[in-house]
């Protein structure tokens, strides 16, 4: 097993081998697979953070109740490449079991202020309207956790022994 050990076993650091990654040489399938796996991990994390067993599906008929949907932020405009309030949408990739892929325009008028960028995975809480838009009341983002603190003094002491 790769790693750093000392004789007194005060500290054991293991290093997982890093797979070579060069997006220029990946096929479209490999890129899509990597993005799908990343989305699935973030979706699970958001479900745990929010205490939700599962998010609502895209494309459900008009409901009066609040729904929570998860997806990647996209620009729905074909003319303008900048993300504007009118061009914000969500993209949900279908899974291998045959579920469909959806793009849904978002109405952020009731949301207040929020900062979004293309490719970001968010949970939009709101409801569908009859105009094929999702009226967003609240936006949830994954909580960013800092990496664990490392006791450098223990590592230095282990290296000296």
N, C-alpha and C. Protein backbone atom coordinates (compact mmCIF):
# COMPACT_ATOMS: atom_id res chain seq x y z
N UNK A 1 0.85 -1.17 0.00
CA UNK A 1 0.00 0.00 0.00
C UNK A 1 0.90 1.24 0.00
N UNK A 2 0.68 2.18 -0.94
CA UNK A 2 1.52 3.36 -0.96
C UNK A 2 1.20 4.24 0.24
N UNK A 3 2.20 4.94 0.72
CA UNK A 3 1.97 5.84 1.84
C UNK A 3 3.25 6.17 2.56
N UNK A 4 3.14 6.92 3.64
CA UNK A 4 4.26 7.34 4.45
C UNK A 4 4.09 6.71 5.82
N UNK A 5 5.10 6.00 6.28
CA UNK A 5 5.02 5.33 7.57
C UNK A 5 6.24 5.72 8.40
N UNK A 6 6.11 5.63 9.70
CA UNK A 6 7.28 5.78 10.55
C UNK A 6 7.39 4.56 11.44
N UNK A 7 8.52 4.42 12.11
CA UNK A 7 8.76 3.23 12.91
C UNK A 7 7.85 3.15 14.13
N UNK A 8 7.52 4.28 14.72
CA UNK A 8 6.72 4.29 15.95
C UNK A 8 5.22 4.34 15.66
N UNK A 9 4.84 4.41 14.40
CA UNK A 9 3.44 4.40 13.96
C UNK A 9 2.62 5.50 14.59
N UNK A 10 3.22 6.69 14.72
CA UNK A 10 2.44 7.82 15.23
C UNK A 10 1.46 8.32 14.19
N UNK A 11 1.91 8.33 12.95
CA UNK A 11 1.09 8.87 11.87
C UNK A 11 1.18 7.93 10.68
N UNK A 12 0.06 7.70 10.06
CA UNK A 12 0.04 6.91 8.83
C UNK A 12 -0.72 7.71 7.79
N UNK A 13 -0.07 8.01 6.72
CA UNK A 13 -0.68 8.76 5.63
C UNK A 13 -0.72 7.86 4.42
N UNK A 14 -1.90 7.66 3.88
CA UNK A 14 -2.00 6.87 2.66
C UNK A 14 -2.38 7.79 1.52
N UNK A 15 -1.85 7.51 0.38
CA UNK A 15 -2.09 8.32 -0.80
C UNK A 15 -2.69 7.43 -1.86
N UNK A 16 -3.88 7.78 -2.30
CA UNK A 16 -4.49 7.04 -3.40
C UNK A 16 -3.83 7.46 -4.69
N UNK A 17 -3.55 6.52 -5.56
CA UNK A 17 -2.94 6.91 -6.84
C UNK A 17 -3.92 7.76 -7.64
N UNK A 18 -3.39 8.80 -8.26
CA UNK A 18 -4.20 9.71 -9.06
C UNK A 18 -4.19 9.23 -10.49
N UNK A 19 -5.38 9.05 -11.02
CA UNK A 19 -5.50 8.62 -12.41
C UNK A 19 -5.16 9.79 -13.32
N UNK A 20 -4.39 9.50 -14.35
CA UNK A 20 -4.05 10.55 -15.31
C UNK A 20 -5.33 11.07 -15.93
N UNK A 21 -5.43 12.39 -16.01
CA UNK A 21 -6.63 13.01 -16.54
C UNK A 21 -6.22 14.11 -17.51
N UNK A 22 -6.55 13.94 -18.74
CA UNK A 22 -6.29 14.96 -19.74
C UNK A 22 -7.52 15.03 -20.63
N UNK A 23 -8.33 16.07 -20.41
CA UNK A 23 -9.61 16.15 -21.10
C UNK A 23 -9.46 16.20 -22.61
N UNK A 24 -8.29 16.62 -23.10
CA UNK A 24 -8.11 16.70 -24.54
C UNK A 24 -8.14 15.31 -25.19
N UNK A 25 -7.80 14.28 -24.44
CA UNK A 25 -7.72 12.94 -25.00
C UNK A 25 -8.87 12.04 -24.56
N UNK A 26 -9.86 12.61 -23.87
CA UNK A 26 -11.02 11.82 -23.48
C UNK A 26 -12.05 11.83 -24.59
N UNK A 27 -12.73 10.72 -24.72
CA UNK A 27 -13.80 10.67 -25.71
C UNK A 27 -15.03 11.40 -25.15
N UNK A 28 -15.96 11.69 -26.02
CA UNK A 28 -17.19 12.35 -25.58
C UNK A 28 -17.93 11.48 -24.56
N UNK A 29 -17.93 10.18 -24.77
CA UNK A 29 -18.57 9.26 -23.84
C UNK A 29 -17.93 9.33 -22.46
N UNK A 30 -16.58 9.36 -22.42
CA UNK A 30 -15.88 9.42 -21.13
C UNK A 30 -16.16 10.74 -20.40
N UNK A 31 -16.21 11.84 -21.13
CA UNK A 31 -16.55 13.13 -20.51
C UNK A 31 -17.97 13.12 -19.97
N UNK A 32 -18.90 12.60 -20.75
CA UNK A 32 -20.29 12.54 -20.32
C UNK A 32 -20.43 11.66 -19.09
N UNK A 33 -19.74 10.54 -19.08
CA UNK A 33 -19.78 9.63 -17.94
C UNK A 33 -19.24 10.31 -16.68
N UNK A 34 -18.13 11.04 -16.80
CA UNK A 34 -17.54 11.73 -15.66
C UNK A 34 -18.49 12.81 -15.12
N UNK A 35 -19.12 13.58 -16.01
CA UNK A 35 -20.06 14.61 -15.58
C UNK A 35 -21.30 14.00 -14.92
N UNK A 36 -21.77 12.88 -15.45
CA UNK A 36 -22.93 12.20 -14.87
C UNK A 36 -22.61 11.68 -13.48
N UNK A 37 -21.42 11.11 -13.29
CA UNK A 37 -21.02 10.62 -11.97
C UNK A 37 -20.87 11.78 -10.99
N UNK A 38 -20.31 12.89 -11.43
CA UNK A 38 -20.17 14.07 -10.58
C UNK A 38 -21.54 14.58 -10.16
N UNK A 39 -22.48 14.64 -11.10
CA UNK A 39 -23.83 15.09 -10.80
C UNK A 39 -24.50 14.16 -9.79
N UNK A 40 -24.33 12.86 -9.96
CA UNK A 40 -24.95 11.89 -9.04
C UNK A 40 -24.40 12.06 -7.62
N UNK A 41 -23.09 12.28 -7.49
CA UNK A 41 -22.50 12.49 -6.16
C UNK A 41 -23.04 13.76 -5.51
N UNK A 42 -23.13 14.84 -6.29
CA UNK A 42 -23.66 16.08 -5.74
C UNK A 42 -25.13 15.95 -5.38
N UNK A 43 -25.88 15.21 -6.18
CA UNK A 43 -27.30 15.00 -5.90
C UNK A 43 -27.47 14.24 -4.58
N UNK A 44 -26.68 13.20 -4.36
CA UNK A 44 -26.75 12.45 -3.10
C UNK A 44 -26.38 13.34 -1.92
N UNK A 45 -25.35 14.16 -2.11
CA UNK A 45 -24.93 15.05 -1.03
C UNK A 45 -26.02 16.06 -0.68
N UNK A 46 -26.67 16.61 -1.70
CA UNK A 46 -27.75 17.56 -1.46
C UNK A 46 -28.95 16.88 -0.78
N UNK A 47 -29.25 15.64 -1.16
CA UNK A 47 -30.33 14.91 -0.50
C UNK A 47 -30.03 14.73 0.98
N UNK A 48 -28.78 14.41 1.32
CA UNK A 48 -28.39 14.24 2.72
C UNK A 48 -28.44 15.56 3.47
N UNK A 49 -27.92 16.62 2.87
CA UNK A 49 -27.90 17.93 3.52
C UNK A 49 -29.31 18.45 3.80
N UNK A 50 -30.22 18.23 2.85
CA UNK A 50 -31.57 18.76 2.98
C UNK A 50 -32.53 17.79 3.66
N UNK A 51 -32.10 16.55 3.89
CA UNK A 51 -32.96 15.57 4.52
C UNK A 51 -34.13 15.15 3.65
N UNK A 52 -33.90 15.10 2.34
CA UNK A 52 -34.94 14.74 1.37
C UNK A 52 -34.64 13.34 0.86
N UNK A 53 -35.62 12.42 0.89
CA UNK A 53 -35.35 11.07 0.38
C UNK A 53 -35.06 11.06 -1.12
N UNK A 54 -35.75 11.90 -1.88
CA UNK A 54 -35.52 12.01 -3.33
C UNK A 54 -36.11 13.33 -3.80
N UNK A 55 -35.54 13.87 -4.86
CA UNK A 55 -36.05 15.10 -5.43
C UNK A 55 -37.16 14.79 -6.41
N UNK A 56 -38.00 15.80 -6.67
CA UNK A 56 -39.08 15.64 -7.63
C UNK A 56 -38.51 15.55 -9.04
N UNK A 57 -39.25 14.90 -9.91
CA UNK A 57 -38.82 14.72 -11.30
C UNK A 57 -39.12 15.98 -12.11
N UNK A 58 -38.33 16.21 -13.13
CA UNK A 58 -38.60 17.29 -14.08
C UNK A 58 -39.81 16.93 -14.91
N UNK A 59 -40.46 17.94 -15.44
CA UNK A 59 -41.52 17.71 -16.41
C UNK A 59 -42.82 17.21 -15.83
N UNK A 60 -43.00 17.30 -14.52
CA UNK A 60 -44.28 16.89 -13.94
C UNK A 60 -45.33 17.94 -14.29
N UNK A 61 -46.60 17.54 -14.34
CA UNK A 61 -47.65 18.52 -14.66
C UNK A 61 -47.73 19.60 -13.59
N UNK A 62 -48.53 20.62 -13.89
CA UNK A 62 -48.68 21.76 -12.98
C UNK A 62 -49.19 21.28 -11.62
N UNK A 63 -48.51 21.74 -10.57
CA UNK A 63 -48.90 21.39 -9.20
C UNK A 63 -49.03 22.66 -8.39
N UNK A 64 -49.88 22.61 -7.38
CA UNK A 64 -50.00 23.74 -6.46
C UNK A 64 -49.00 23.63 -5.32
N UNK A 65 -48.48 22.43 -5.11
CA UNK A 65 -47.55 22.23 -4.00
C UNK A 65 -46.11 22.53 -4.42
N UNK A 66 -45.29 22.85 -3.44
CA UNK A 66 -43.89 23.18 -3.70
C UNK A 66 -43.12 21.92 -4.06
N UNK A 67 -42.31 22.02 -5.10
CA UNK A 67 -41.47 20.92 -5.55
C UNK A 67 -40.02 21.29 -5.38
N UNK A 68 -39.17 20.29 -5.24
CA UNK A 68 -37.73 20.48 -5.18
C UNK A 68 -37.12 19.68 -6.31
N UNK A 69 -36.46 20.40 -7.23
CA UNK A 69 -35.82 19.73 -8.36
C UNK A 69 -34.34 20.06 -8.34
N UNK A 70 -33.54 19.13 -8.83
CA UNK A 70 -32.09 19.32 -8.85
C UNK A 70 -31.62 19.25 -10.30
N UNK A 71 -30.63 20.09 -10.63
CA UNK A 71 -30.10 20.09 -11.98
C UNK A 71 -28.92 21.03 -12.10
N UNK A 72 -28.34 21.04 -13.30
CA UNK A 72 -27.23 21.95 -13.61
C UNK A 72 -27.79 23.23 -14.22
N UNK A 73 -27.24 24.36 -13.83
CA UNK A 73 -27.65 25.65 -14.38
C UNK A 73 -27.15 25.74 -15.81
N UNK A 74 -28.06 26.15 -16.71
CA UNK A 74 -27.70 26.32 -18.12
C UNK A 74 -28.23 27.65 -18.63
N UNK A 75 -27.74 28.06 -19.78
CA UNK A 75 -28.23 29.24 -20.48
C UNK A 75 -29.18 28.74 -21.56
N UNK A 76 -30.44 29.14 -21.48
CA UNK A 76 -31.44 28.67 -22.44
C UNK A 76 -31.54 29.56 -23.68
N UNK A 77 -30.82 30.67 -23.68
CA UNK A 77 -30.87 31.59 -24.82
C UNK A 77 -30.00 31.08 -25.96
N UNK A 78 -30.51 31.22 -27.18
CA UNK A 78 -29.71 30.83 -28.34
C UNK A 78 -29.00 32.04 -28.95
N UNK A 79 -29.44 33.26 -28.60
CA UNK A 79 -28.82 34.46 -29.16
C UNK A 79 -27.70 35.01 -28.29
N UNK A 80 -27.88 34.99 -26.98
CA UNK A 80 -26.94 35.64 -26.07
C UNK A 80 -26.18 34.58 -25.29
N UNK A 81 -24.85 34.71 -25.25
CA UNK A 81 -24.07 33.72 -24.53
C UNK A 81 -23.89 34.07 -23.06
N UNK A 82 -24.39 35.22 -22.62
CA UNK A 82 -24.32 35.60 -21.22
C UNK A 82 -25.56 35.09 -20.49
N UNK A 83 -25.37 34.67 -19.26
CA UNK A 83 -26.47 34.19 -18.43
C UNK A 83 -27.21 35.39 -17.86
N UNK A 84 -28.47 35.53 -18.22
CA UNK A 84 -29.29 36.63 -17.72
C UNK A 84 -30.47 36.06 -16.95
N UNK A 85 -31.21 36.95 -16.31
CA UNK A 85 -32.36 36.53 -15.51
C UNK A 85 -33.40 35.80 -16.35
N UNK A 86 -33.55 36.19 -17.62
CA UNK A 86 -34.54 35.57 -18.49
C UNK A 86 -34.04 34.28 -19.13
N UNK A 87 -32.74 34.03 -19.11
CA UNK A 87 -32.21 32.86 -19.83
C UNK A 87 -31.72 31.74 -18.91
N UNK A 88 -31.97 31.85 -17.61
CA UNK A 88 -31.51 30.81 -16.67
C UNK A 88 -32.41 29.60 -16.78
N UNK A 89 -31.80 28.42 -16.85
CA UNK A 89 -32.55 27.18 -16.90
C UNK A 89 -31.84 26.09 -16.13
N UNK A 90 -32.50 24.95 -15.98
CA UNK A 90 -31.91 23.79 -15.35
C UNK A 90 -31.89 22.64 -16.34
N UNK A 91 -30.85 21.86 -16.26
CA UNK A 91 -30.67 20.70 -17.13
C UNK A 91 -30.53 19.48 -16.24
N UNK A 92 -31.30 18.45 -16.52
CA UNK A 92 -31.26 17.22 -15.74
C UNK A 92 -30.95 16.08 -16.69
N UNK A 93 -29.83 15.40 -16.45
CA UNK A 93 -29.42 14.30 -17.31
C UNK A 93 -30.18 13.05 -16.90
N UNK A 94 -30.74 12.35 -17.87
CA UNK A 94 -31.40 11.09 -17.59
C UNK A 94 -30.39 10.03 -17.18
N UNK A 95 -30.85 9.03 -16.45
CA UNK A 95 -29.94 7.97 -16.01
C UNK A 95 -29.97 6.80 -17.00
N UNK A 96 -29.21 5.77 -16.68
CA UNK A 96 -29.10 4.62 -17.58
C UNK A 96 -30.38 3.80 -17.67
N UNK A 97 -31.31 4.00 -16.74
CA UNK A 97 -32.54 3.21 -16.75
C UNK A 97 -33.55 3.72 -17.77
N UNK A 98 -33.20 4.76 -18.51
CA UNK A 98 -34.06 5.20 -19.58
C UNK A 98 -34.87 6.45 -19.27
N UNK A 99 -34.60 7.12 -18.14
CA UNK A 99 -35.36 8.34 -17.87
C UNK A 99 -34.92 9.42 -18.86
N UNK A 100 -35.81 10.35 -19.10
CA UNK A 100 -35.59 11.34 -20.13
C UNK A 100 -34.69 12.47 -19.63
N UNK A 101 -34.14 13.21 -20.58
CA UNK A 101 -33.34 14.38 -20.29
C UNK A 101 -34.24 15.61 -20.46
N UNK A 102 -34.18 16.50 -19.48
CA UNK A 102 -35.04 17.68 -19.51
C UNK A 102 -34.24 18.95 -19.40
N UNK A 103 -34.71 19.98 -20.09
CA UNK A 103 -34.26 21.35 -19.91
C UNK A 103 -35.49 22.13 -19.48
N UNK A 104 -35.33 22.93 -18.44
CA UNK A 104 -36.46 23.64 -17.88
C UNK A 104 -36.06 25.08 -17.63
N UNK A 105 -36.84 26.03 -18.15
CA UNK A 105 -36.56 27.45 -17.90
C UNK A 105 -36.99 27.81 -16.49
N UNK A 106 -36.21 28.66 -15.85
CA UNK A 106 -36.50 29.08 -14.48
C UNK A 106 -36.98 30.52 -14.46
N UNK A 107 -37.96 30.79 -13.61
CA UNK A 107 -38.42 32.15 -13.35
C UNK A 107 -37.91 32.51 -11.95
N UNK A 108 -36.89 33.35 -11.89
CA UNK A 108 -36.26 33.70 -10.62
C UNK A 108 -36.83 34.98 -10.02
N UNK A 109 -37.97 35.46 -10.52
CA UNK A 109 -38.56 36.71 -10.05
C UNK A 109 -38.93 36.71 -8.58
N UNK A 110 -39.38 35.58 -8.05
CA UNK A 110 -39.79 35.49 -6.65
C UNK A 110 -38.66 35.07 -5.73
N UNK A 111 -37.52 34.76 -6.28
CA UNK A 111 -36.42 34.19 -5.52
C UNK A 111 -35.65 35.22 -4.69
N UNK A 112 -35.72 36.47 -5.06
CA UNK A 112 -34.87 37.46 -4.40
C UNK A 112 -33.53 37.48 -5.09
N UNK A 113 -32.47 37.64 -4.33
CA UNK A 113 -31.15 37.69 -4.94
C UNK A 113 -30.44 36.35 -4.79
N UNK A 114 -29.80 35.93 -5.86
CA UNK A 114 -28.99 34.71 -5.81
C UNK A 114 -27.93 34.83 -6.89
N UNK A 115 -26.85 34.12 -6.68
CA UNK A 115 -25.73 34.14 -7.62
C UNK A 115 -25.60 32.75 -8.23
N UNK A 116 -25.72 32.67 -9.55
CA UNK A 116 -25.63 31.39 -10.25
C UNK A 116 -24.63 31.49 -11.38
N UNK A 117 -24.03 30.36 -11.73
CA UNK A 117 -23.17 30.31 -12.90
C UNK A 117 -23.46 29.02 -13.65
N UNK A 118 -23.16 29.03 -14.94
CA UNK A 118 -23.42 27.86 -15.78
C UNK A 118 -22.63 26.66 -15.30
N UNK A 119 -23.30 25.51 -15.26
CA UNK A 119 -22.67 24.27 -14.83
C UNK A 119 -22.82 23.97 -13.36
N UNK A 120 -23.24 24.95 -12.58
CA UNK A 120 -23.42 24.76 -11.14
C UNK A 120 -24.61 23.84 -10.86
N UNK A 121 -24.47 22.93 -9.90
CA UNK A 121 -25.56 22.04 -9.52
C UNK A 121 -26.29 22.68 -8.35
N UNK A 122 -27.60 22.87 -8.52
CA UNK A 122 -28.42 23.50 -7.48
C UNK A 122 -29.72 22.72 -7.29
N UNK A 123 -30.40 23.03 -6.20
CA UNK A 123 -31.77 22.57 -5.98
C UNK A 123 -32.66 23.80 -6.06
N UNK A 124 -33.64 23.76 -6.94
CA UNK A 124 -34.60 24.85 -7.07
C UNK A 124 -35.90 24.41 -6.39
N UNK A 125 -36.37 25.24 -5.48
CA UNK A 125 -37.61 24.95 -4.76
C UNK A 125 -38.67 25.91 -5.28
N UNK A 126 -39.79 25.37 -5.76
CA UNK A 126 -40.84 26.20 -6.32
C UNK A 126 -41.94 25.36 -6.93
N UNK A 127 -42.55 25.87 -8.01
CA UNK A 127 -43.67 25.16 -8.64
C UNK A 127 -43.69 25.44 -10.14
N UNK A 128 -44.27 24.51 -10.89
CA UNK A 128 -44.44 24.66 -12.34
C UNK A 128 -45.62 25.58 -12.62
N UNK A 129 -45.54 26.34 -13.70
CA UNK A 129 -46.71 27.08 -14.14
C UNK A 129 -47.15 26.54 -15.50
N UNK A 130 -48.18 27.09 -16.04
CA UNK A 130 -48.73 26.57 -17.29
C UNK A 130 -47.92 27.00 -18.51
N UNK A 131 -46.93 27.86 -18.34
CA UNK A 131 -46.14 28.35 -19.46
C UNK A 131 -44.81 27.60 -19.59
N UNK A 132 -44.73 26.41 -19.04
CA UNK A 132 -43.54 25.56 -19.15
C UNK A 132 -42.31 26.22 -18.51
N UNK A 133 -42.54 26.92 -17.42
CA UNK A 133 -41.46 27.52 -16.63
C UNK A 133 -41.61 27.03 -15.20
N UNK A 134 -40.49 27.03 -14.48
CA UNK A 134 -40.48 26.65 -13.08
C UNK A 134 -40.26 27.92 -12.27
N UNK A 135 -41.26 28.31 -11.48
CA UNK A 135 -41.17 29.51 -10.65
C UNK A 135 -40.41 29.17 -9.37
N UNK A 136 -39.25 29.75 -9.22
CA UNK A 136 -38.36 29.42 -8.11
C UNK A 136 -38.62 30.35 -6.93
N UNK A 137 -38.83 29.73 -5.76
CA UNK A 137 -38.98 30.49 -4.52
C UNK A 137 -37.67 30.55 -3.74
N UNK A 138 -36.89 29.47 -3.85
CA UNK A 138 -35.66 29.37 -3.08
C UNK A 138 -34.65 28.51 -3.84
N UNK A 139 -33.36 28.87 -3.73
CA UNK A 139 -32.28 28.12 -4.36
C UNK A 139 -31.38 27.56 -3.27
N UNK A 140 -31.10 26.27 -3.35
CA UNK A 140 -30.19 25.61 -2.41
C UNK A 140 -28.93 25.19 -3.17
N UNK A 141 -27.78 25.38 -2.52
CA UNK A 141 -26.51 24.96 -3.09
C UNK A 141 -25.83 24.02 -2.11
N UNK A 142 -24.94 23.15 -2.60
CA UNK A 142 -24.23 22.27 -1.67
C UNK A 142 -23.35 23.10 -0.72
N UNK A 143 -23.29 22.65 0.52
CA UNK A 143 -22.44 23.31 1.50
C UNK A 143 -20.99 22.91 1.23
N UNK A 144 -20.15 23.89 1.10
CA UNK A 144 -18.74 23.62 0.84
C UNK A 144 -18.04 23.39 2.17
N UNK A 145 -17.37 22.28 2.28
CA UNK A 145 -16.63 21.97 3.50
C UNK A 145 -15.15 22.09 3.22
N UNK A 146 -14.42 22.76 4.12
CA UNK A 146 -12.98 22.87 3.92
C UNK A 146 -12.31 21.53 4.14
N UNK A 147 -11.15 21.34 3.57
CA UNK A 147 -10.43 20.07 3.79
C UNK A 147 -10.05 19.96 5.26
N UNK A 148 -9.88 18.73 5.76
CA UNK A 148 -9.54 18.57 7.17
C UNK A 148 -8.18 19.18 7.48
N UNK A 149 -8.07 19.69 8.72
CA UNK A 149 -6.79 20.27 9.14
C UNK A 149 -5.78 19.16 9.36
N UNK A 150 -4.56 19.46 9.00
CA UNK A 150 -3.48 18.49 9.13
C UNK A 150 -2.58 18.96 10.27
N UNK A 151 -2.29 18.06 11.17
CA UNK A 151 -1.35 18.36 12.24
C UNK A 151 0.06 18.19 11.71
N UNK A 152 0.62 19.27 11.19
CA UNK A 152 1.94 19.21 10.58
C UNK A 152 3.03 18.85 11.60
N UNK A 153 2.80 19.22 12.85
CA UNK A 153 3.81 18.89 13.87
C UNK A 153 3.93 17.38 14.04
N UNK A 154 2.81 16.66 13.97
CA UNK A 154 2.85 15.20 14.07
C UNK A 154 3.57 14.59 12.87
N UNK A 155 3.32 15.13 11.70
CA UNK A 155 3.98 14.61 10.50
C UNK A 155 5.48 14.87 10.56
N UNK A 156 5.85 16.08 10.98
CA UNK A 156 7.27 16.41 11.07
C UNK A 156 7.98 15.53 12.10
N UNK A 157 7.30 15.32 13.24
CA UNK A 157 7.88 14.48 14.28
C UNK A 157 8.02 13.05 13.79
N UNK A 158 7.05 12.55 13.03
CA UNK A 158 7.10 11.20 12.49
C UNK A 158 8.24 11.05 11.49
N UNK A 159 8.46 12.10 10.69
CA UNK A 159 9.53 12.03 9.70
C UNK A 159 10.91 12.06 10.37
N UNK A 160 11.00 12.76 11.49
CA UNK A 160 12.28 12.85 12.19
C UNK A 160 12.65 11.53 12.88
N UNK A 161 11.67 10.75 13.29
CA UNK A 161 11.92 9.50 14.00
C UNK A 161 12.24 8.40 13.09
